[in-house]
Amino acid sequence: MKEIFNKYNADFLKENIQQKVAIISNNSHQYAVTENLKKAFSLIDLTSLNTEDNTEKIKSMVDKVNDFSNHYPEMPSVAAICVYPSMVACVRENLTVSKLGLASVGAGFPSSQTFLNVKIEECKQAIEAGATEIDIVLSVGKFFQGDYEYCFKEIKEIKQAIGENHLKVILESGALQSYQQIWDASILAMEAGADFIKTSTGKQNPAATTDAIYVMTKAIKAFHEKTGKKIGIKPAGGISTKEDAMAYFAIVKENLGDEWLNSELFRIGASRLANNLLTDIYQKQIKYF
């Protein structure tokens, strides 16, 4: 892994990242126009990952997604629905909107503390049930132990198991102890085959932060310059307001450019954000989802 890490220049980590992020975030209000709020809505992975989830609850969420265009014909759809593996079949059986991603968490989510063969089988079964995207968590314990080879092998084998379906690797950036670790985890995940890197499970505080996304987008840019591959980015956890959304929007635009501002390369993991964006766009209280 040392040879892999050495391929990438991370000199920017010596800079005052908090200051740079603060400048971008403070200026992000300029992007809070209707067009960009609609775009942010179209990037949402509408998520339900709760202990009390059941088929009745998930079907209700899917029905609202199916019927959304009848209520708001001038709005785009969300990018995807994200659920537990056991709920994937329910989404697939009831979803009628075309070109909508069906994401399942997997591989021992949210702590990634189970056997590799169990992780692989869970992800494969989620794909067989109808998922088109899998969100897994980096084995943070192994990462802290310095066992980067294991982390790399695990991600690579899971990616091989799910084939062409998108693999999002959650770094659990709030648990990582430095910008350097966020950078290293990002490089490791991308080199191992991640199609997206994602901040958080939403089960741990802090969840998504603008600092983490800044470092992760820098890693994505470096990886793209080295390999020509475009890797997606997904902030998730605690994102609920237009101000939150536009801060992440601004960082992605600043570090990666407009070509990343689409649902193929940029997702926002959120449950509350959808209603709040609708409220801001229509200038009245909306609680649709």
Protein backbone atom coordinates (compact mmCIF):
# COMPACT_ATOMS: atom_id res chain seq x y z
CA MET A 1 0.00 0.00 0.00
CA LYS A 2 2.91 2.36 0.61
CA GLU A 3 3.68 2.35 -3.11
CA ILE A 4 0.06 3.21 -3.88
CA PHE A 5 -0.04 6.09 -1.39
CA ASN A 6 3.27 7.42 -2.74
CA LYS A 7 1.77 7.83 -6.21
CA TYR A 8 -0.33 10.75 -5.03
CA ASN A 9 0.77 14.23 -3.97
CA ALA A 10 -1.00 15.35 -0.80
CA ASP A 11 0.96 18.56 -0.17
CA PHE A 12 -2.32 20.49 0.17
CA LEU A 13 -2.76 18.82 3.58
CA LYS A 14 -0.12 21.22 4.90
CA GLU A 15 -2.40 24.17 4.11
CA ASN A 16 -5.01 25.69 6.40
CA ILE A 17 -7.88 23.50 5.22
CA GLN A 18 -10.39 24.85 7.72
CA GLN A 19 -9.80 28.37 6.45
CA LYS A 20 -10.16 27.32 2.81
CA VAL A 21 -13.37 25.43 3.56
CA ALA A 22 -14.76 28.36 5.52
CA ILE A 23 -14.20 30.70 2.57
CA ILE A 24 -15.96 28.35 0.14
CA SER A 25 -18.83 27.66 2.55
CA ASN A 26 -19.32 31.34 3.38
CA ASN A 27 -19.62 32.14 -0.31
CA SER A 28 -21.87 29.19 -1.12
CA HIS A 29 -25.04 31.28 -0.61
CA GLN A 30 -24.50 32.59 -4.16
CA TYR A 31 -25.49 29.15 -5.45
CA ALA A 32 -28.79 29.00 -3.53
CA VAL A 33 -30.93 29.80 -6.57
CA THR A 34 -33.92 27.73 -7.63
CA GLU A 35 -32.06 25.95 -10.44
CA ASN A 36 -29.36 24.71 -8.07
CA LEU A 37 -31.82 23.80 -5.33
CA LYS A 38 -33.65 21.62 -7.86
CA LYS A 39 -30.34 20.08 -8.90
CA ALA A 40 -29.50 19.37 -5.26
CA PHE A 41 -32.88 17.66 -4.92
CA SER A 42 -32.03 15.47 -7.93
CA LEU A 43 -28.84 14.32 -6.15
CA ILE A 44 -30.59 12.96 -3.07
CA ASP A 45 -30.42 9.31 -2.09
CA LEU A 46 -33.75 9.20 -0.26
CA THR A 47 -32.85 7.08 2.73
CA SER A 48 -34.56 4.97 5.36
CA LEU A 49 -32.18 3.03 7.60
CA ASN A 50 -34.07 2.63 10.84
CA THR A 51 -34.51 -0.23 13.25
CA GLU A 52 -38.29 -0.02 12.86
CA ASP A 53 -38.28 -0.19 9.04
CA ASN A 54 -40.76 -2.69 7.59
CA THR A 55 -42.32 -3.38 4.22
CA GLU A 56 -45.36 -1.22 4.94
CA LYS A 57 -43.21 1.80 5.79
CA ILE A 58 -40.85 1.34 2.84
CA LYS A 59 -43.72 0.79 0.40
CA SER A 60 -45.24 4.07 1.57
CA MET A 61 -41.96 5.86 0.81
CA VAL A 62 -41.74 4.23 -2.62
CA ASP A 63 -45.36 5.15 -3.40
CA LYS A 64 -44.54 8.79 -2.69
CA VAL A 65 -41.56 8.64 -5.05
CA ASN A 66 -43.75 7.04 -7.72
CA ASP A 67 -46.42 9.72 -7.36
CA PHE A 68 -44.06 12.67 -6.93
CA SER A 69 -44.20 13.94 -10.52
CA ASN A 70 -48.01 14.17 -10.35
CA HIS A 71 -47.71 16.64 -7.46
CA TYR A 72 -44.57 18.48 -8.61
CA PRO A 73 -44.29 18.07 -12.40
CA GLU A 74 -41.63 20.77 -12.72
CA MET A 75 -39.30 19.02 -10.25
CA PRO A 76 -36.75 16.29 -11.01
CA SER A 77 -36.95 13.01 -9.15
CA VAL A 78 -34.54 12.08 -6.39
CA ALA A 79 -31.50 10.09 -7.57
CA ALA A 80 -32.07 6.88 -5.64
CA ILE A 81 -33.75 5.13 -2.74
CA CYS A 82 -31.42 3.67 -0.11
CA VAL A 83 -32.58 0.93 2.29
CA TYR A 84 -31.43 -2.09 4.25
CA PRO A 85 -30.84 -5.33 2.26
CA SER A 86 -34.03 -6.92 3.60
CA MET A 87 -36.07 -4.05 2.16
CA VAL A 88 -34.59 -4.12 -1.36
CA ALA A 89 -37.18 -6.55 -2.76
CA CYS A 90 -40.00 -4.34 -1.44
CA VAL A 91 -38.56 -1.31 -3.26
CA ARG A 92 -37.98 -3.26 -6.48
CA GLU A 93 -41.49 -4.74 -6.48
CA ASN A 94 -43.17 -1.35 -6.01
CA LEU A 95 -40.93 1.19 -7.74
CA THR A 96 -42.29 2.38 -11.09
CA VAL A 97 -40.03 5.38 -11.73
CA SER A 98 -37.46 4.53 -14.40
CA LYS A 99 -33.77 5.38 -14.12
CA LEU A 100 -33.90 5.62 -10.35
CA GLY A 101 -31.07 4.00 -8.42
CA LEU A 102 -31.86 1.34 -5.83
CA ALA A 103 -29.16 1.43 -3.18
CA SER A 104 -28.70 -1.08 -0.40
CA VAL A 105 -26.33 -0.79 2.50
CA GLY A 106 -24.41 -3.97 3.10
CA ALA A 107 -21.30 -5.75 4.36
CA GLY A 108 -22.18 -5.53 8.03
CA PHE A 109 -23.45 -1.95 7.94
CA PRO A 110 -22.97 0.24 9.94
CA SER A 111 -19.89 -1.06 11.78
CA SER A 112 -18.43 -3.48 9.21
CA GLN A 113 -17.70 -5.93 12.02
CA THR A 114 -18.44 -9.31 10.53
CA PHE A 115 -16.77 -11.97 8.40
CA LEU A 116 -15.69 -11.14 4.84
CA ASN A 117 -17.62 -14.08 3.37
CA VAL A 118 -20.76 -12.81 5.14
CA LYS A 119 -20.17 -9.31 3.77
CA ILE A 120 -19.76 -10.62 0.24
CA GLU A 121 -22.84 -12.84 0.45
CA GLU A 122 -24.99 -10.03 1.86
CA CYS A 123 -23.97 -7.72 -0.99
CA LYS A 124 -24.58 -10.42 -3.61
CA GLN A 125 -28.03 -11.17 -2.19
CA ALA A 126 -28.92 -7.47 -2.22
CA ILE A 127 -27.99 -7.32 -5.91
CA GLU A 128 -30.01 -10.47 -6.62
CA ALA A 129 -33.00 -8.85 -4.86
CA GLY A 130 -32.80 -5.86 -7.22
CA ALA A 131 -30.25 -3.38 -5.85
CA THR A 132 -28.17 -1.51 -8.40
CA GLU A 133 -25.89 0.20 -5.87
CA ILE A 134 -24.23 -1.07 -2.70
CA ASP A 135 -23.03 1.15 0.16
CA ILE A 136 -20.45 -0.52 2.39
CA VAL A 137 -18.35 0.72 5.30
CA LEU A 138 -14.58 0.72 5.36
CA SER A 139 -13.27 -1.66 8.02
CA VAL A 140 -12.25 1.24 10.23
CA GLY A 141 -10.91 -0.99 13.00
CA LYS A 142 -8.54 -2.72 10.57
CA PHE A 143 -7.63 0.67 9.10
CA PHE A 144 -6.67 2.02 12.54
CA GLN A 145 -4.60 -1.12 13.08
CA GLY A 146 -2.65 -0.24 9.94
CA ASP A 147 -3.91 -3.32 8.09
CA TYR A 148 -4.43 -1.46 4.83
CA GLU A 149 -3.89 -4.62 2.79
CA TYR A 150 -6.94 -6.22 4.42
CA CYS A 151 -9.08 -3.13 3.82
CA PHE A 152 -7.97 -3.04 0.18
CA LYS A 153 -8.62 -6.77 -0.33
CA GLU A 154 -12.07 -6.55 1.25
CA ILE A 155 -13.25 -3.67 -0.95
CA LYS A 156 -11.79 -5.30 -4.05
CA GLU A 157 -13.49 -8.64 -3.40
CA ILE A 158 -16.86 -7.03 -2.70
CA LYS A 159 -16.59 -4.99 -5.89
CA GLN A 160 -15.79 -8.14 -7.86
CA ALA A 161 -18.80 -9.86 -6.29
CA ILE A 162 -21.29 -7.16 -7.37
CA GLY A 163 -19.88 -6.68 -10.88
CA GLU A 164 -20.89 -3.57 -12.80
CA ASN A 165 -23.19 -2.34 -10.05
CA HIS A 166 -21.99 0.78 -8.26
CA LEU A 167 -20.02 0.33 -5.04
CA LYS A 168 -20.00 3.23 -2.58
CA VAL A 169 -17.41 2.97 0.19
CA ILE A 170 -18.25 4.81 3.41
CA LEU A 171 -15.11 6.09 5.12
CA GLU A 172 -16.91 7.01 8.37
CA SER A 173 -14.87 10.20 8.22
CA GLY A 174 -16.07 11.37 11.64
CA ALA A 175 -14.23 8.45 13.21
CA LEU A 176 -11.01 9.10 11.30
CA GLN A 177 -8.53 11.07 13.33
CA SER A 178 -6.89 13.41 10.82
CA TYR A 179 -7.12 14.84 7.33
CA GLN A 180 -4.26 12.50 6.43
CA GLN A 181 -6.37 9.48 7.40
CA ILE A 182 -9.31 10.76 5.35
CA TRP A 183 -6.96 11.18 2.38
CA ASP A 184 -5.41 7.72 2.84
CA ALA A 185 -8.81 6.05 3.21
CA SER A 186 -10.05 7.82 0.07
CA ILE A 187 -7.05 6.71 -2.01
CA LEU A 188 -7.25 3.16 -0.66
CA ALA A 189 -10.96 2.85 -1.47
CA MET A 190 -10.63 4.22 -5.00
CA GLU A 191 -7.59 2.08 -5.80
CA ALA A 192 -9.51 -0.98 -4.56
CA GLY A 193 -12.42 -0.33 -6.92
CA ALA A 194 -14.88 2.06 -5.27
CA ASP A 195 -17.17 3.85 -7.71
CA PHE A 196 -18.08 6.41 -5.02
CA ILE A 197 -16.53 7.45 -1.75
CA LYS A 198 -18.93 8.52 0.96
CA THR A 199 -18.44 10.31 4.27
CA SER A 200 -20.63 8.62 6.80
CA THR A 201 -23.17 6.05 7.86
CA GLY A 202 -25.20 8.70 9.66
CA LYS A 203 -25.00 6.48 12.75
CA GLN A 204 -22.01 8.24 14.29
CA ASN A 205 -21.18 11.85 15.19
CA PRO A 206 -19.82 13.81 13.56
CA ALA A 207 -21.35 12.60 10.32
CA ALA A 208 -20.69 14.51 7.08
CA THR A 209 -18.47 17.58 7.40
CA THR A 210 -17.37 20.09 4.82
CA ASP A 211 -13.73 19.56 5.82
CA ALA A 212 -13.97 15.84 5.04
CA ILE A 213 -15.62 16.48 1.68
CA TYR A 214 -12.90 19.01 0.84
CA VAL A 215 -10.19 16.40 1.44
CA MET A 216 -12.14 13.66 -0.33
CA THR A 217 -12.75 15.79 -3.43
CA LYS A 218 -9.04 16.63 -3.54
CA ALA A 219 -8.33 12.88 -3.47
CA ILE A 220 -10.85 12.26 -6.26
CA LYS A 221 -9.22 14.97 -8.37
CA ALA A 222 -5.76 13.48 -7.82
CA PHE A 223 -7.06 9.99 -8.68
CA HIS A 224 -8.71 11.29 -11.85
CA GLU A 225 -5.53 13.06 -12.93
CA LYS A 226 -3.51 9.89 -12.36
CA THR A 227 -5.92 7.31 -13.81
CA GLY A 228 -8.47 9.15 -15.95
CA LYS A 229 -11.28 7.56 -13.88
CA LYS A 230 -14.06 9.70 -12.44
CA ILE A 231 -15.08 8.61 -8.96
CA GLY A 232 -18.28 9.86 -7.33
CA ILE A 233 -18.64 11.69 -4.02
CA LYS A 234 -21.40 11.36 -1.43
CA PRO A 235 -21.73 13.42 1.74
CA ALA A 236 -24.24 11.74 4.06
CA GLY A 237 -25.51 12.20 7.58
CA GLY A 238 -26.87 15.33 9.21
CA ILE A 239 -27.53 17.19 5.95
CA SER A 240 -30.92 18.82 6.24
CA THR A 241 -30.94 22.46 5.02
CA LYS A 242 -30.34 24.28 1.77
CA GLU A 243 -27.32 25.91 3.42
CA ASP A 244 -25.86 22.45 4.11
CA ALA A 245 -26.56 21.29 0.57
CA MET A 246 -25.11 24.40 -1.07
CA ALA A 247 -21.94 24.21 1.03
CA TYR A 248 -21.25 20.70 -0.30
CA PHE A 249 -22.36 21.77 -3.78
CA ALA A 250 -19.84 24.64 -3.69
CA ILE A 251 -16.94 22.43 -2.56
CA VAL A 252 -17.61 19.85 -5.29
CA LYS A 253 -17.89 22.63 -7.89
CA GLU A 254 -14.71 24.32 -6.65
CA ASN A 255 -12.53 21.19 -6.46
CA LEU A 256 -13.98 18.96 -9.18
CA GLY A 257 -15.86 21.28 -11.53
CA ASP A 258 -19.29 21.34 -13.12
CA GLU A 259 -18.84 17.91 -14.71
CA TRP A 260 -19.28 16.37 -11.25
CA LEU A 261 -22.56 18.18 -10.57
CA ASN A 262 -24.84 15.33 -11.62
CA SER A 263 -26.27 12.21 -10.01
CA GLU A 264 -23.78 9.94 -11.76
CA LEU A 265 -20.93 11.48 -9.75
CA PHE A 266 -22.49 13.37 -6.84
CA ARG A 267 -25.07 12.14 -4.35
CA ILE A 268 -26.36 13.51 -1.07
CA GLY A 269 -27.45 10.99 1.53
CA ALA A 270 -30.37 12.54 3.38
CA SER A 271 -33.86 11.94 4.68
CA ARG A 272 -34.94 15.41 5.89
CA LEU A 273 -33.35 17.43 3.08
CA ALA A 274 -35.97 16.60 0.44
CA ASN A 275 -38.87 18.28 2.28
CA ASN A 276 -36.72 21.25 3.27
CA LEU A 277 -35.59 21.87 -0.29
CA LEU A 278 -39.19 21.64 -1.50
CA THR A 279 -40.15 24.16 1.17
CA ASP A 280 -37.41 26.56 0.02
CA ILE A 281 -38.22 26.14 -3.67
CA TYR A 282 -41.98 26.66 -3.29
CA GLN A 283 -41.72 29.17 -0.42
CA LYS A 284 -44.27 27.33 1.70
CA GLN A 285 -44.11 24.51 4.23
CA ILE A 286 -44.05 21.14 2.46
CA LYS A 287 -43.93 17.75 4.17
CA TYR A 288 -44.35 15.43 1.22
CA PHE A 289 -41.89 12.69 2.18
